[in-house]
Amino acid sequence: MGCPEAELSVTVVGDRSIRTLNRDYLGRDKATNVISFAMQEGEFGELNPQMLGDVVISADTAAREAEEAGESFWSRLCFLLLHGILHITGYDHERSGEAVAARMEKREREIFALLVEEGLV
């Protein structure tokens, strides 16, 4: 990912907490599976170049999605963490169009396959 000496905050919360974050920071009054907050963006982005940002994952939503997909909770949690990290490192499938979304999905598949291969998922 090009960030060998980086820091990342990961928080796992419930639907109520992630809904509050989603509403307060993104203007979406609903629960979601993962939200990322990049620390290298904005006015003070270069203050601490090693601090990538924060990834917040809803365990409630992750559990529902895992059950619906027939996969383990751990696998879903790892995938959501990966998805959040990709957002922090510049991939934005929501605002950047189909080409970036396709690149992000490809990168997710590549990295997730490596995690599976290494027995981490």
C-alpha atoms as a PDB file:
ATOM      1  CA  MET A   1       0.000   0.000   0.000  1.00  0.00           C
ATOM      2  CA  GLY A   2       3.055   2.227   0.122  1.00  0.00           C
ATOM      3  CA  CYS A   3       2.793   2.997   3.846  1.00  0.00           C
ATOM      4  CA  PRO A   4       5.303   0.724   5.622  1.00  0.00           C
ATOM      5  CA  GLU A   5       5.715   2.880   8.744  1.00  0.00           C
ATOM      6  CA  ALA A   6       2.147   4.135   9.091  1.00  0.00           C
ATOM      7  CA  GLU A   7      -0.277   4.213  12.001  1.00  0.00           C
ATOM      8  CA  LEU A   8      -3.935   3.345  11.773  1.00  0.00           C
ATOM      9  CA  SER A   9      -6.725   3.491  14.325  1.00  0.00           C
ATOM     10  CA  VAL A  10      -9.320   0.713  14.095  1.00  0.00           C
ATOM     11  CA  THR A  11     -12.518   0.832  16.125  1.00  0.00           C
ATOM     12  CA  VAL A  12     -15.286  -1.764  16.118  1.00  0.00           C
ATOM     13  CA  VAL A  13     -18.660  -0.416  17.242  1.00  0.00           C
ATOM     14  CA  GLY A  14     -22.359  -1.255  17.019  1.00  0.00           C
ATOM     15  CA  ASP A  15     -24.928   0.050  14.557  1.00  0.00           C
ATOM     16  CA  ARG A  16     -26.076   2.845  16.854  1.00  0.00           C
ATOM     17  CA  SER A  17     -22.595   4.348  17.127  1.00  0.00           C
ATOM     18  CA  ILE A  18     -21.750   4.052  13.448  1.00  0.00           C
ATOM     19  CA  ARG A  19     -25.111   5.572  12.547  1.00  0.00           C
ATOM     20  CA  THR A  20     -24.268   8.594  14.701  1.00  0.00           C
ATOM     21  CA  LEU A  21     -20.868   8.974  13.013  1.00  0.00           C
ATOM     22  CA  ASN A  22     -22.405   8.531   9.581  1.00  0.00           C
ATOM     23  CA  ARG A  23     -25.036  11.190  10.341  1.00  0.00           C
ATOM     24  CA  ASP A  24     -22.718  13.685  12.031  1.00  0.00           C
ATOM     25  CA  TYR A  25     -19.792  13.485   9.613  1.00  0.00           C
ATOM     26  CA  LEU A  26     -21.262  12.313   6.316  1.00  0.00           C
ATOM     27  CA  GLY A  27     -24.862  13.518   6.515  1.00  0.00           C
ATOM     28  CA  ARG A  28     -26.314  10.018   6.130  1.00  0.00           C
ATOM     29  CA  ASP A  29     -28.693   9.087   8.948  1.00  0.00           C
ATOM     30  CA  LYS A  30     -28.329   5.312   8.755  1.00  0.00           C
ATOM     31  CA  ALA A  31     -26.030   2.557   9.906  1.00  0.00           C
ATOM     32  CA  THR A  32     -23.324   1.412   7.514  1.00  0.00           C
ATOM     33  CA  ASN A  33     -20.661  -1.274   7.563  1.00  0.00           C
ATOM     34  CA  VAL A  34     -17.476   0.833   7.576  1.00  0.00           C
ATOM     35  CA  ILE A  35     -16.451   4.486   7.671  1.00  0.00           C
ATOM     36  CA  SER A  36     -12.938   5.814   7.121  1.00  0.00           C
ATOM     37  CA  PHE A  37     -11.482   9.119   8.187  1.00  0.00           C
ATOM     38  CA  ALA A  38      -8.219   9.972   6.424  1.00  0.00           C
ATOM     39  CA  MET A  39      -5.824  12.036   8.519  1.00  0.00           C
ATOM     40  CA  GLN A  40      -3.603  13.028   5.601  1.00  0.00           C
ATOM     41  CA  GLU A  41      -6.288  15.156   3.968  1.00  0.00           C
ATOM     42  CA  GLY A  42      -7.350  18.693   4.693  1.00  0.00           C
ATOM     43  CA  GLU A  43      -5.663  21.736   6.140  1.00  0.00           C
ATOM     44  CA  PHE A  44      -3.457  19.894   8.639  1.00  0.00           C
ATOM     45  CA  GLY A  45      -2.888  16.711   6.640  1.00  0.00           C
ATOM     46  CA  GLU A  46       0.885  16.879   6.732  1.00  0.00           C
ATOM     47  CA  LEU A  47       1.257  17.332  10.508  1.00  0.00           C
ATOM     48  CA  ASN A  48       1.862  13.622  11.083  1.00  0.00           C
ATOM     49  CA  PRO A  49       2.608  11.813   7.805  1.00  0.00           C
ATOM     50  CA  GLN A  50       2.732   8.439   9.574  1.00  0.00           C
ATOM     51  CA  MET A  51      -0.880   8.720  10.791  1.00  0.00           C
ATOM     52  CA  LEU A  52      -3.123   7.336   8.041  1.00  0.00           C
ATOM     53  CA  GLY A  53      -6.424   7.795   9.837  1.00  0.00           C
ATOM     54  CA  ASP A  54      -9.292   5.974  11.473  1.00  0.00           C
ATOM     55  CA  VAL A  55     -11.374   3.031  10.315  1.00  0.00           C
ATOM     56  CA  VAL A  56     -14.643   2.420  12.157  1.00  0.00           C
ATOM     57  CA  ILE A  57     -16.465  -0.875  11.530  1.00  0.00           C
ATOM     58  CA  SER A  58     -19.948  -1.838  12.676  1.00  0.00           C
ATOM     59  CA  ALA A  59     -19.838  -5.340  14.149  1.00  0.00           C
ATOM     60  CA  ASP A  60     -23.648  -5.542  13.909  1.00  0.00           C
ATOM     61  CA  THR A  61     -23.701  -4.821  10.186  1.00  0.00           C
ATOM     62  CA  ALA A  62     -20.638  -6.997   9.552  1.00  0.00           C
ATOM     63  CA  ALA A  63     -22.337  -9.927  11.293  1.00  0.00           C
ATOM     64  CA  ARG A  64     -25.524  -9.515   9.237  1.00  0.00           C
ATOM     65  CA  GLU A  65     -23.563  -9.242   5.988  1.00  0.00           C
ATOM     66  CA  ALA A  66     -21.450 -12.293   6.872  1.00  0.00           C
ATOM     67  CA  GLU A  67     -24.546 -14.365   7.595  1.00  0.00           C
ATOM     68  CA  GLU A  68     -26.240 -13.237   4.371  1.00  0.00           C
ATOM     69  CA  ALA A  69     -23.127 -14.090   2.339  1.00  0.00           C
ATOM     70  CA  GLY A  70     -22.510 -17.400   4.111  1.00  0.00           C
ATOM     71  CA  GLU A  71     -19.057 -16.356   5.255  1.00  0.00           C
ATOM     72  CA  SER A  72     -17.417 -16.076   8.644  1.00  0.00           C
ATOM     73  CA  PHE A  73     -17.699 -12.952  10.743  1.00  0.00           C
ATOM     74  CA  TRP A  74     -13.886 -12.763  10.857  1.00  0.00           C
ATOM     75  CA  SER A  75     -13.655 -12.865   7.063  1.00  0.00           C
ATOM     76  CA  ARG A  76     -16.198 -10.064   6.722  1.00  0.00           C
ATOM     77  CA  LEU A  77     -14.502  -7.982   9.402  1.00  0.00           C
ATOM     78  CA  CYS A  78     -11.133  -8.347   7.640  1.00  0.00           C
ATOM     79  CA  PHE A  79     -12.651  -7.407   4.300  1.00  0.00           C
ATOM     80  CA  LEU A  80     -14.270  -4.280   5.781  1.00  0.00           C
ATOM     81  CA  LEU A  81     -10.966  -3.282   7.379  1.00  0.00           C
ATOM     82  CA  LEU A  82      -9.243  -3.690   4.023  1.00  0.00           C
ATOM     83  CA  HIS A  83     -11.988  -1.650   2.343  1.00  0.00           C
ATOM     84  CA  GLY A  84     -11.555   1.124   4.909  1.00  0.00           C
ATOM     85  CA  ILE A  85      -7.784   1.162   4.508  1.00  0.00           C
ATOM     86  CA  LEU A  86      -8.125   1.455   0.748  1.00  0.00           C
ATOM     87  CA  HIS A  87     -10.369   4.490   1.252  1.00  0.00           C
ATOM     88  CA  ILE A  88      -7.781   6.099   3.506  1.00  0.00           C
ATOM     89  CA  THR A  89      -5.015   5.478   0.977  1.00  0.00           C
ATOM     90  CA  GLY A  90      -6.846   7.236  -1.824  1.00  0.00           C
ATOM     91  CA  TYR A  91      -9.386   4.872  -3.341  1.00  0.00           C
ATOM     92  CA  ASP A  92     -12.848   6.424  -3.446  1.00  0.00           C
ATOM     93  CA  HIS A  93     -15.419   4.314  -5.258  1.00  0.00           C
ATOM     94  CA  GLU A  94     -18.270   6.613  -4.200  1.00  0.00           C
ATOM     95  CA  ARG A  95     -17.093   9.904  -5.720  1.00  0.00           C
ATOM     96  CA  SER A  96     -14.549   9.031  -8.380  1.00  0.00           C
ATOM     97  CA  GLY A  97     -16.557   7.137 -10.967  1.00  0.00           C
ATOM     98  CA  GLU A  98     -16.624   3.637 -12.349  1.00  0.00           C
ATOM     99  CA  ALA A  99     -12.956   3.412 -13.341  1.00  0.00           C
ATOM    100  CA  VAL A 100     -11.747   4.105  -9.794  1.00  0.00           C
ATOM    101  CA  ALA A 101     -14.415   1.798  -8.355  1.00  0.00           C
ATOM    102  CA  ALA A 102     -13.221  -0.993 -10.643  1.00  0.00           C
ATOM    103  CA  ARG A 103      -9.585  -0.362  -9.662  1.00  0.00           C
ATOM    104  CA  MET A 104     -10.540  -0.412  -5.993  1.00  0.00           C
ATOM    105  CA  GLU A 105     -12.486  -3.671  -6.343  1.00  0.00           C
ATOM    106  CA  LYS A 106      -9.567  -5.261  -8.196  1.00  0.00           C
ATOM    107  CA  ARG A 107      -7.127  -4.168  -5.491  1.00  0.00           C
ATOM    108  CA  GLU A 108      -9.487  -5.472  -2.781  1.00  0.00           C
ATOM    109  CA  ARG A 109      -9.635  -8.869  -4.471  1.00  0.00           C
ATOM    110  CA  GLU A 110      -5.842  -9.010  -4.870  1.00  0.00           C
ATOM    111  CA  ILE A 111      -5.055  -8.104  -1.273  1.00  0.00           C
ATOM    112  CA  PHE A 112      -7.844 -10.226   0.197  1.00  0.00           C
ATOM    113  CA  ALA A 113      -6.600 -13.226  -1.801  1.00  0.00           C
ATOM    114  CA  LEU A 114      -3.139 -12.689  -0.290  1.00  0.00           C
ATOM    115  CA  LEU A 115      -4.633 -12.589   3.202  1.00  0.00           C
ATOM    116  CA  VAL A 116      -6.470 -15.843   2.551  1.00  0.00           C
ATOM    117  CA  GLU A 117      -3.346 -17.421   1.071  1.00  0.00           C
ATOM    118  CA  GLU A 118      -1.373 -16.463   4.175  1.00  0.00           C
ATOM    119  CA  GLY A 119      -4.061 -17.993   6.401  1.00  0.00           C
ATOM    120  CA  LEU A 120      -4.952 -14.678   8.003  1.00  0.00           C
ATOM    121  CA  VAL A 121      -8.588 -14.845   6.936  1.00  0.00           C
END
